[in-house]
C-alpha atoms as a PDB file:
ATOM      1  CA  MET A   1     -13.205  22.243  82.298  1.00  0.00           C
ATOM      2  CA  THR A   2     -13.586  21.884  78.549  1.00  0.00           C
ATOM      3  CA  PHE A   3     -16.864  20.960  76.890  1.00  0.00           C
ATOM      4  CA  ALA A   4     -15.382  17.619  75.766  1.00  0.00           C
ATOM      5  CA  GLU A   5     -14.430  16.760  79.354  1.00  0.00           C
ATOM      6  CA  PHE A   6     -17.870  17.744  80.606  1.00  0.00           C
ATOM      7  CA  ALA A   7     -19.683  15.762  77.918  1.00  0.00           C
ATOM      8  CA  THR A   8     -17.507  12.698  78.485  1.00  0.00           C
ATOM      9  CA  THR A   9     -18.001  12.633  82.244  1.00  0.00           C
ATOM     10  CA  ARG A  10     -21.682  13.634  82.350  1.00  0.00           C
ATOM     11  CA  LEU A  11     -23.159  11.908  79.281  1.00  0.00           C
ATOM     12  CA  ALA A  12     -24.239   8.745  81.116  1.00  0.00           C
ATOM     13  CA  GLY A  13     -25.842  10.695  83.986  1.00  0.00           C
ATOM     14  CA  LEU A  14     -27.647  13.072  81.640  1.00  0.00           C
ATOM     15  CA  SER A  15     -28.895  10.130  79.593  1.00  0.00           C
ATOM     16  CA  ARG A  16     -30.234   8.326  82.670  1.00  0.00           C
ATOM     17  CA  TYR A  17     -31.954  11.529  83.812  1.00  0.00           C
ATOM     18  CA  ALA A  18     -33.561  11.974  80.383  1.00  0.00           C
ATOM     19  CA  VAL A  19     -34.686   8.320  80.296  1.00  0.00           C
ATOM     20  CA  VAL A  20     -36.375   8.712  83.675  1.00  0.00           C
ATOM     21  CA  LEU A  21     -38.115  11.879  82.464  1.00  0.00           C
ATOM     22  CA  THR A  22     -39.267  10.515  79.117  1.00  0.00           C
ATOM     23  CA  GLY A  23     -39.655   6.792  79.688  1.00  0.00           C
ATOM     24  CA  ASP A  24     -38.173   6.280  76.226  1.00  0.00           C
ATOM     25  CA  ARG A  25     -34.483   5.652  75.641  1.00  0.00           C
ATOM     26  CA  ASP A  26     -34.492   6.859  72.030  1.00  0.00           C
ATOM     27  CA  LEU A  27     -36.301  10.091  72.837  1.00  0.00           C
ATOM     28  CA  ALA A  28     -33.966  10.620  75.800  1.00  0.00           C
ATOM     29  CA  GLN A  29     -30.941  10.239  73.546  1.00  0.00           C
ATOM     30  CA  ASP A  30     -32.418  12.745  71.097  1.00  0.00           C
ATOM     31  CA  ILE A  31     -33.021  15.239  73.875  1.00  0.00           C
ATOM     32  CA  VAL A  32     -29.539  14.852  75.345  1.00  0.00           C
ATOM     33  CA  GLN A  33     -27.958  15.108  71.902  1.00  0.00           C
ATOM     34  CA  ASP A  34     -29.883  18.308  71.101  1.00  0.00           C
ATOM     35  CA  VAL A  35     -29.058  19.809  74.484  1.00  0.00           C
ATOM     36  CA  LEU A  36     -25.356  18.985  74.260  1.00  0.00           C
ATOM     37  CA  ALA A  37     -25.181  20.463  70.760  1.00  0.00           C
ATOM     38  CA  ARG A  38     -26.667  23.725  72.058  1.00  0.00           C
ATOM     39  CA  ALA A  39     -24.530  23.613  75.206  1.00  0.00           C
ATOM     40  CA  GLN A  40     -21.370  23.316  73.144  1.00  0.00           C
ATOM     41  CA  LEU A  41     -22.226  26.534  71.332  1.00  0.00           C
ATOM     42  CA  ARG A  42     -22.808  28.329  74.651  1.00  0.00           C
ATOM     43  CA  TRP A  43     -20.088  26.564  76.627  1.00  0.00           C
ATOM     44  CA  SER A  44     -18.061  29.686  77.444  1.00  0.00           C
ATOM     45  CA  ARG A  45     -21.112  31.117  79.225  1.00  0.00           C
ATOM     46  CA  ILE A  46     -22.261  27.815  80.785  1.00  0.00           C
ATOM     47  CA  VAL A  47     -18.859  27.002  82.282  1.00  0.00           C
ATOM     48  CA  ARG A  48     -18.926  30.325  84.175  1.00  0.00           C
ATOM     49  CA  ALA A  49     -22.238  29.417  85.854  1.00  0.00           C
ATOM     50  CA  ASP A  50     -22.242  28.321  89.495  1.00  0.00           C
ATOM     51  CA  SER A  51     -22.936  24.754  88.422  1.00  0.00           C
ATOM     52  CA  PRO A  52     -22.536  23.842  84.756  1.00  0.00           C
ATOM     53  CA  ASP A  53     -24.029  20.423  85.519  1.00  0.00           C
ATOM     54  CA  ALA A  54     -27.203  21.948  86.976  1.00  0.00           C
ATOM     55  CA  TYR A  55     -27.404  24.350  84.031  1.00  0.00           C
ATOM     56  CA  VAL A  56     -27.275  21.523  81.480  1.00  0.00           C
ATOM     57  CA  ARG A  57     -29.731  19.388  83.484  1.00  0.00           C
ATOM     58  CA  GLN A  58     -32.104  22.374  83.398  1.00  0.00           C
ATOM     59  CA  MET A  59     -31.646  22.469  79.624  1.00  0.00           C
ATOM     60  CA  VAL A  60     -32.595  18.752  79.462  1.00  0.00           C
ATOM     61  CA  LEU A  61     -35.703  19.389  81.560  1.00  0.00           C
ATOM     62  CA  ASN A  62     -36.716  22.375  79.439  1.00  0.00           C
ATOM     63  CA  GLU A  63     -36.231  20.416  76.228  1.00  0.00           C
ATOM     64  CA  TYR A  64     -38.373  17.597  77.605  1.00  0.00           C
ATOM     65  CA  LEU A  65     -41.118  20.053  78.509  1.00  0.00           C
ATOM     66  CA  SER A  66     -40.857  22.026  75.271  1.00  0.00           C
ATOM     67  CA  TRP A  67     -43.666  22.240  72.756  1.00  0.00           C
ATOM     68  CA  ARG A  68     -41.505  20.576  70.107  1.00  0.00           C
ATOM     69  CA  ARG A  69     -41.684  17.329  72.087  1.00  0.00           C
ATOM     70  CA  ARG A  70     -45.434  17.245  72.673  1.00  0.00           C
ATOM     71  CA  TRP A  71     -45.803  14.297  70.295  1.00  0.00           C
ATOM     72  CA  ALA A  72     -43.732  12.241  72.721  1.00  0.00           C
ATOM     73  CA  VAL A  73     -46.554  12.194  75.270  1.00  0.00           C
ATOM     74  CA  ARG A  74     -48.618  10.157  72.874  1.00  0.00           C
ATOM     75  CA  ASN A  75     -45.727   7.822  72.076  1.00  0.00           C
ATOM     76  CA  ILE A  76     -44.351   6.903  75.513  1.00  0.00           C
ATOM     77  CA  GLN A  77     -43.334   3.266  75.598  1.00  0.00           C
ATOM     78  CA  ALA A  78     -42.652   1.154  78.669  1.00  0.00           C
ATOM     79  CA  ALA A  79     -38.929   1.277  79.289  1.00  0.00           C
ATOM     80  CA  GLY A  80     -38.786  -2.214  80.795  1.00  0.00           C
ATOM     81  CA  GLU A  81     -35.291  -3.645  80.509  1.00  0.00           C
ATOM     82  CA  HIS A  82     -33.670  -0.248  79.925  1.00  0.00           C
ATOM     83  CA  VAL A  83     -34.750   1.104  83.281  1.00  0.00           C
ATOM     84  CA  VAL A  84     -33.649  -2.074  85.021  1.00  0.00           C
ATOM     85  CA  ASP A  85     -30.135  -0.991  84.024  1.00  0.00           C
ATOM     86  CA  LEU A  86     -30.747   2.174  86.043  1.00  0.00           C
ATOM     87  CA  ILE A  87     -31.879   0.159  89.053  1.00  0.00           C
ATOM     88  CA  ASP A  88     -28.802  -2.069  88.829  1.00  0.00           C
ATOM     89  CA  ARG A  89     -26.486   0.949  88.594  1.00  0.00           C
ATOM     90  CA  ARG A  90     -28.106   2.555  91.613  1.00  0.00           C
ATOM     91  CA  GLY A  91     -27.383  -0.503  93.757  1.00  0.00           C
ATOM     92  CA  GLY A  92     -30.528  -2.551  93.363  1.00  0.00           C
ATOM     93  CA  SER A  93     -30.060  -6.098  94.642  1.00  0.00           C
ATOM     94  CA  ARG A  94     -33.537  -7.453  93.902  1.00  0.00           C
ATOM     95  CA  ASP A  95     -34.346 -10.375  91.671  1.00  0.00           C
ATOM     96  CA  HIS A  96     -33.934  -9.293  88.055  1.00  0.00           C
ATOM     97  CA  ALA A  97     -37.330 -10.663  86.938  1.00  0.00           C
ATOM     98  CA  ASP A  98     -39.161  -8.863  89.754  1.00  0.00           C
ATOM     99  CA  ALA A  99     -37.318  -5.650  88.925  1.00  0.00           C
ATOM    100  CA  VAL A 100     -38.339  -5.900  85.259  1.00  0.00           C
ATOM    101  CA  VAL A 101     -42.007  -6.456  86.143  1.00  0.00           C
ATOM    102  CA  ASP A 102     -42.047  -3.625  88.698  1.00  0.00           C
ATOM    103  CA  THR A 103     -40.226  -1.265  86.368  1.00  0.00           C
ATOM    104  CA  ASP A 104     -42.521  -2.025  83.443  1.00  0.00           C
ATOM    105  CA  GLU A 105     -45.552  -1.448  85.654  1.00  0.00           C
ATOM    106  CA  LEU A 106     -44.085   1.842  86.916  1.00  0.00           C
ATOM    107  CA  TRP A 107     -43.464   3.115  83.377  1.00  0.00           C
ATOM    108  CA  SER A 108     -46.922   2.073  82.239  1.00  0.00           C
ATOM    109  CA  ARG A 109     -48.412   4.099  85.069  1.00  0.00           C
ATOM    110  CA  LEU A 110     -46.170   7.123  84.611  1.00  0.00           C
ATOM    111  CA  ALA A 111     -46.949   7.181  80.886  1.00  0.00           C
ATOM    112  CA  ILE A 112     -50.555   8.219  81.575  1.00  0.00           C
ATOM    113  CA  LEU A 113     -49.493  11.364  83.459  1.00  0.00           C
ATOM    114  CA  PRO A 114     -49.183  14.762  81.792  1.00  0.00           C
ATOM    115  CA  ARG A 115     -45.559  15.840  81.254  1.00  0.00           C
ATOM    116  CA  LYS A 116     -45.443  18.427  84.047  1.00  0.00           C
ATOM    117  CA  GLN A 117     -46.875  15.990  86.594  1.00  0.00           C
ATOM    118  CA  ARG A 118     -44.409  13.316  85.493  1.00  0.00           C
ATOM    119  CA  ALA A 119     -41.559  15.847  85.670  1.00  0.00           C
ATOM    120  CA  VAL A 120     -42.550  16.834  89.225  1.00  0.00           C
ATOM    121  CA  LEU A 121     -42.511  13.186  90.348  1.00  0.00           C
ATOM    122  CA  VAL A 122     -39.158  12.535  88.662  1.00  0.00           C
ATOM    123  CA  LEU A 123     -37.623  15.642  90.197  1.00  0.00           C
ATOM    124  CA  ARG A 124     -39.049  14.831  93.634  1.00  0.00           C
ATOM    125  CA  TYR A 125     -38.413  11.092  93.838  1.00  0.00           C
ATOM    126  CA  TYR A 126     -35.589  10.397  91.380  1.00  0.00           C
ATOM    127  CA  GLU A 127     -33.606  13.632  91.742  1.00  0.00           C
ATOM    128  CA  GLN A 128     -34.726  13.991  95.404  1.00  0.00           C
ATOM    129  CA  LEU A 129     -35.301  17.734  95.124  1.00  0.00           C
ATOM    130  CA  ASP A 130     -37.526  19.700  97.468  1.00  0.00           C
ATOM    131  CA  ASP A 131     -40.569  21.680  96.313  1.00  0.00           C
ATOM    132  CA  ASP A 132     -38.687  24.996  96.231  1.00  0.00           C
ATOM    133  CA  GLU A 133     -35.997  23.585  93.929  1.00  0.00           C
ATOM    134  CA  ILE A 134     -38.599  21.962  91.685  1.00  0.00           C
ATOM    135  CA  ALA A 135     -40.558  25.225  91.484  1.00  0.00           C
ATOM    136  CA  ARG A 136     -37.393  27.065  90.463  1.00  0.00           C
ATOM    137  CA  LEU A 137     -36.580  24.473  87.787  1.00  0.00           C
ATOM    138  CA  LEU A 138     -40.099  24.461  86.379  1.00  0.00           C
ATOM    139  CA  ASP A 139     -40.473  28.226  86.775  1.00  0.00           C
ATOM    140  CA  CYS A 140     -43.698  27.983  88.728  1.00  0.00           C
ATOM    141  CA  ALA A 141     -44.988  28.537  92.242  1.00  0.00           C
ATOM    142  CA  ARG A 142     -44.307  26.056  95.029  1.00  0.00           C
ATOM    143  CA  VAL A 143     -48.055  25.490  95.369  1.00  0.00           C
ATOM    144  CA  THR A 144     -48.167  24.482  91.677  1.00  0.00           C
ATOM    145  CA  VAL A 145     -45.497  21.865  92.334  1.00  0.00           C
ATOM    146  CA  ARG A 146     -47.502  20.473  95.239  1.00  0.00           C
ATOM    147  CA  SER A 147     -50.687  20.531  93.178  1.00  0.00           C
ATOM    148  CA  ASN A 148     -49.041  18.677  90.287  1.00  0.00           C
ATOM    149  CA  ALA A 149     -47.557  16.104  92.660  1.00  0.00           C
ATOM    150  CA  SER A 150     -50.890  15.625  94.409  1.00  0.00           C
ATOM    151  CA  LYS A 151     -52.779  15.188  91.143  1.00  0.00           C
ATOM    152  CA  ALA A 152     -50.155  12.779  89.803  1.00  0.00           C
ATOM    153  CA  LEU A 153     -50.163  10.634  92.937  1.00  0.00           C
ATOM    154  CA  LYS A 154     -53.969  10.646  93.024  1.00  0.00           C
ATOM    155  CA  THR A 155     -54.068   9.480  89.402  1.00  0.00           C
ATOM    156  CA  LEU A 156     -51.584   6.714  90.161  1.00  0.00           C
ATOM    157  CA  ARG A 157     -53.549   5.625  93.252  1.00  0.00           C
ATOM    158  CA  LEU A 158     -56.832   5.559  91.292  1.00  0.00           C
ATOM    159  CA  GLN A 159     -55.216   3.484  88.580  1.00  0.00           C
ATOM    160  CA  THR A 160     -53.935   1.025  91.208  1.00  0.00           C
ATOM    161  CA  GLU A 161     -57.394   0.769  92.781  1.00  0.00           C
ATOM    162  CA  ARG A 162     -58.976   0.140  89.378  1.00  0.00           C
ATOM    163  CA  GLN A 163     -56.469  -2.614  88.662  1.00  0.00           C
ATOM    164  CA  HIS A 164     -57.171  -4.291  92.022  1.00  0.00           C
ATOM    165  CA  ILE A 165     -60.921  -4.140  91.378  1.00  0.00           C
ATOM    166  CA  THR A 166     -60.476  -5.600  87.888  1.00  0.00           C
ATOM    167  CA  VAL A 167     -58.190  -8.376  89.135  1.00  0.00           C
ATOM    168  CA  ALA A 168     -60.528  -9.218  92.024  1.00  0.00           C
ATOM    169  CA  GLY A 169     -63.490  -9.364  89.609  1.00  0.00           C
ATOM    170  CA  ASP A 170     -61.611 -11.751  87.317  1.00  0.00           C
ATOM    171  CA  VAL A 171     -60.903 -14.273  90.098  1.00  0.00           C
END
Protein backbone atom coordinates (compact mmCIF):
# COMPACT_ATOMS: atom_id res chain seq x y z
CA MET A 1 0.00 0.00 0.00
CA THR A 2 1.36 3.41 -0.92
CA PHE A 3 1.20 6.39 1.40
CA ALA A 4 -1.24 8.14 -0.97
CA GLU A 5 -3.60 5.15 -0.86
CA PHE A 6 -3.37 4.99 2.92
CA ALA A 7 -3.98 8.72 3.36
CA THR A 8 -6.91 8.69 0.94
CA THR A 9 -8.68 5.77 2.60
CA ARG A 10 -7.93 6.65 6.24
CA LEU A 11 -8.12 10.46 6.29
CA ALA A 12 -11.80 10.64 7.28
CA GLY A 13 -11.40 8.05 10.06
CA LEU A 14 -8.27 9.70 11.43
CA SER A 15 -10.00 13.08 11.37
CA ARG A 16 -13.03 11.76 13.26
CA TYR A 17 -10.73 10.14 15.83
CA ALA A 18 -8.83 13.41 16.30
CA VAL A 19 -12.08 15.40 16.62
CA VAL A 20 -13.30 13.06 19.35
CA LEU A 21 -9.98 13.42 21.18
CA THR A 22 -9.71 17.19 20.90
CA GLY A 23 -13.30 18.39 20.74
CA ASP A 24 -12.16 20.92 18.15
CA ARG A 25 -12.36 20.29 14.42
CA ASP A 26 -9.65 22.80 13.49
CA LEU A 27 -7.18 21.48 16.05
CA ALA A 28 -7.98 17.93 14.94
CA GLN A 29 -7.23 18.83 11.33
CA ASP A 30 -3.93 20.39 12.39
CA ILE A 31 -2.97 17.28 14.32
CA VAL A 32 -3.89 14.92 11.49
CA GLN A 33 -2.06 17.09 8.97
CA ASP A 34 1.10 17.16 11.10
CA VAL A 35 0.94 13.42 11.71
CA LEU A 36 0.40 12.56 8.05
CA ALA A 37 3.30 14.81 7.04
CA ARG A 38 5.59 12.94 9.46
CA ALA A 39 4.12 9.57 8.47
CA GLN A 40 4.87 10.23 4.82
CA LEU A 41 8.54 10.74 5.64
CA ARG A 42 8.63 7.46 7.60
CA TRP A 43 6.23 5.52 5.38
CA SER A 44 8.70 2.80 4.35
CA ARG A 45 9.09 1.88 8.03
CA ILE A 46 5.41 2.36 8.97
CA VAL A 47 4.10 0.18 6.14
CA ARG A 48 6.21 -2.74 7.45
CA ALA A 49 4.56 -2.52 10.89
CA ASP A 50 1.94 -5.10 11.86
CA SER A 51 -0.78 -2.49 11.48
CA PRO A 52 0.07 0.79 9.75
CA ASP A 53 -3.36 2.11 10.73
CA ALA A 54 -2.74 1.46 14.43
CA TYR A 55 0.72 3.00 14.13
CA VAL A 56 -0.64 6.23 12.64
CA ARG A 57 -3.52 6.36 15.16
CA GLN A 58 -0.88 6.09 17.90
CA MET A 59 0.92 9.02 16.28
CA VAL A 60 -2.34 11.04 16.40
CA LEU A 61 -2.81 10.19 20.08
CA ASN A 62 0.79 11.11 20.90
CA GLU A 63 0.50 14.40 19.04
CA TYR A 64 -2.69 15.21 20.94
CA LEU A 65 -0.98 14.48 24.24
CA SER A 66 2.25 16.27 23.33
CA TRP A 67 3.50 19.32 25.16
CA ARG A 68 3.27 21.40 21.99
CA ARG A 69 -0.53 21.15 22.17
CA ARG A 70 -0.97 22.10 25.82
CA TRP A 71 -2.53 25.43 24.84
CA ALA A 72 -5.41 23.48 23.31
CA VAL A 73 -6.67 22.43 26.74
CA ARG A 74 -7.46 26.03 27.49
CA ASN A 75 -9.11 26.57 24.11
CA ILE A 76 -11.44 23.57 23.77
CA GLN A 77 -14.70 24.61 22.16
CA ALA A 78 -17.95 22.66 22.12
CA ALA A 79 -18.02 20.71 18.89
CA GLY A 80 -21.81 20.83 18.58
CA GLU A 81 -22.87 20.35 14.97
CA HIS A 82 -19.53 18.84 13.93
CA VAL A 83 -19.87 15.89 16.27
CA VAL A 84 -23.46 15.34 15.20
CA ASP A 85 -21.95 14.41 11.83
CA LEU A 86 -20.06 11.66 13.65
CA ILE A 87 -23.24 10.41 15.29
CA ASP A 88 -25.04 10.35 11.94
CA ARG A 89 -22.19 8.45 10.29
CA ARG A 90 -22.16 5.88 13.07
CA GLY A 91 -25.83 5.08 12.51
CA GLY A 92 -27.57 7.42 14.91
CA SER A 93 -31.29 7.64 14.21
CA ARG A 94 -32.26 10.11 16.94
CA ASP A 95 -33.88 13.46 16.41
CA HIS A 96 -31.28 15.88 15.07
CA ALA A 97 -32.08 18.64 17.60
CA ASP A 98 -31.80 16.24 20.55
CA ALA A 99 -28.51 14.92 19.18
CA VAL A 100 -27.10 18.46 18.90
CA VAL A 101 -28.09 19.32 22.48
CA ASP A 102 -26.72 16.05 23.88
CA THR A 103 -23.52 16.34 21.89
CA ASP A 104 -22.94 19.95 22.93
CA GLU A 105 -23.50 19.00 26.56
CA LEU A 106 -21.10 16.06 26.24
CA TRP A 107 -18.35 18.25 24.76
CA SER A 108 -18.85 20.91 27.40
CA ARG A 109 -18.36 18.28 30.08
CA LEU A 110 -15.40 16.59 28.43
CA ALA A 111 -13.69 19.96 27.96
CA ILE A 112 -13.17 20.31 31.73
CA LEU A 113 -11.18 17.05 31.95
CA PRO A 114 -7.39 16.93 31.77
CA ARG A 115 -6.09 15.58 28.44
CA LYS A 116 -5.04 12.16 29.73
CA GLN A 117 -8.40 11.57 31.41
CA ARG A 118 -10.23 12.66 28.26
CA ALA A 119 -7.97 10.41 26.16
CA VAL A 120 -8.72 7.42 28.41
CA LEU A 121 -12.48 7.96 28.04
CA VAL A 122 -12.21 8.38 24.27
CA LEU A 123 -10.09 5.26 23.93
CA ARG A 124 -12.41 3.26 26.21
CA TYR A 125 -15.82 4.39 24.97
CA TYR A 126 -15.25 5.66 21.43
CA GLU A 127 -12.48 3.29 20.32
CA GLN A 128 -13.84 0.52 22.61
CA LEU A 129 -10.39 -0.57 23.77
CA ASP A 130 -9.75 -2.49 26.96
CA ASP A 131 -7.54 -1.21 29.79
CA ASP A 132 -4.50 -3.20 28.65
CA GLU A 133 -4.65 -1.71 25.14
CA ILE A 134 -5.15 1.79 26.52
CA ALA A 135 -2.20 1.36 28.89
CA ARG A 136 -0.02 0.27 25.98
CA LEU A 137 -1.10 3.25 23.87
CA LEU A 138 -0.57 5.75 26.67
CA ASP A 139 2.60 4.01 27.87
CA CYS A 140 1.42 3.69 31.44
CA ALA A 141 0.29 1.02 33.88
CA ARG A 142 -3.16 -0.53 33.67
CA VAL A 143 -3.92 0.82 37.15
CA THR A 144 -3.15 4.34 35.87
CA VAL A 145 -5.71 3.87 33.11
CA ARG A 146 -8.32 2.77 35.64
CA SER A 147 -7.42 5.66 37.94
CA ASN A 148 -7.73 8.21 35.12
CA ALA A 149 -11.05 6.73 34.02
CA SER A 150 -12.36 6.72 37.59
CA LYS A 151 -11.32 10.32 38.20
CA ALA A 152 -12.80 11.44 34.88
CA LEU A 153 -16.13 9.71 35.49
CA LYS A 154 -16.26 11.06 39.05
CA THR A 155 -15.67 14.59 37.75
CA LEU A 156 -18.41 14.16 35.16
CA ARG A 157 -20.83 12.77 37.78
CA LEU A 158 -20.09 15.65 40.17
CA GLN A 159 -20.67 18.16 37.41
CA THR A 160 -24.02 16.50 36.60
CA GLU A 161 -25.05 16.59 40.26
CA ARG A 162 -24.12 20.27 40.51
CA GLN A 163 -26.18 21.06 37.43
CA HIS A 164 -29.21 19.21 38.85
CA ILE A 165 -28.89 21.09 42.15
CA THR A 166 -28.60 24.42 40.33
CA VAL A 167 -31.58 23.67 38.08
CA ALA A 168 -33.70 22.48 41.02
CA GLY A 169 -32.82 25.66 42.96
CA ASP A 170 -33.86 27.84 40.03
CA VAL A 171 -37.35 26.30 39.79
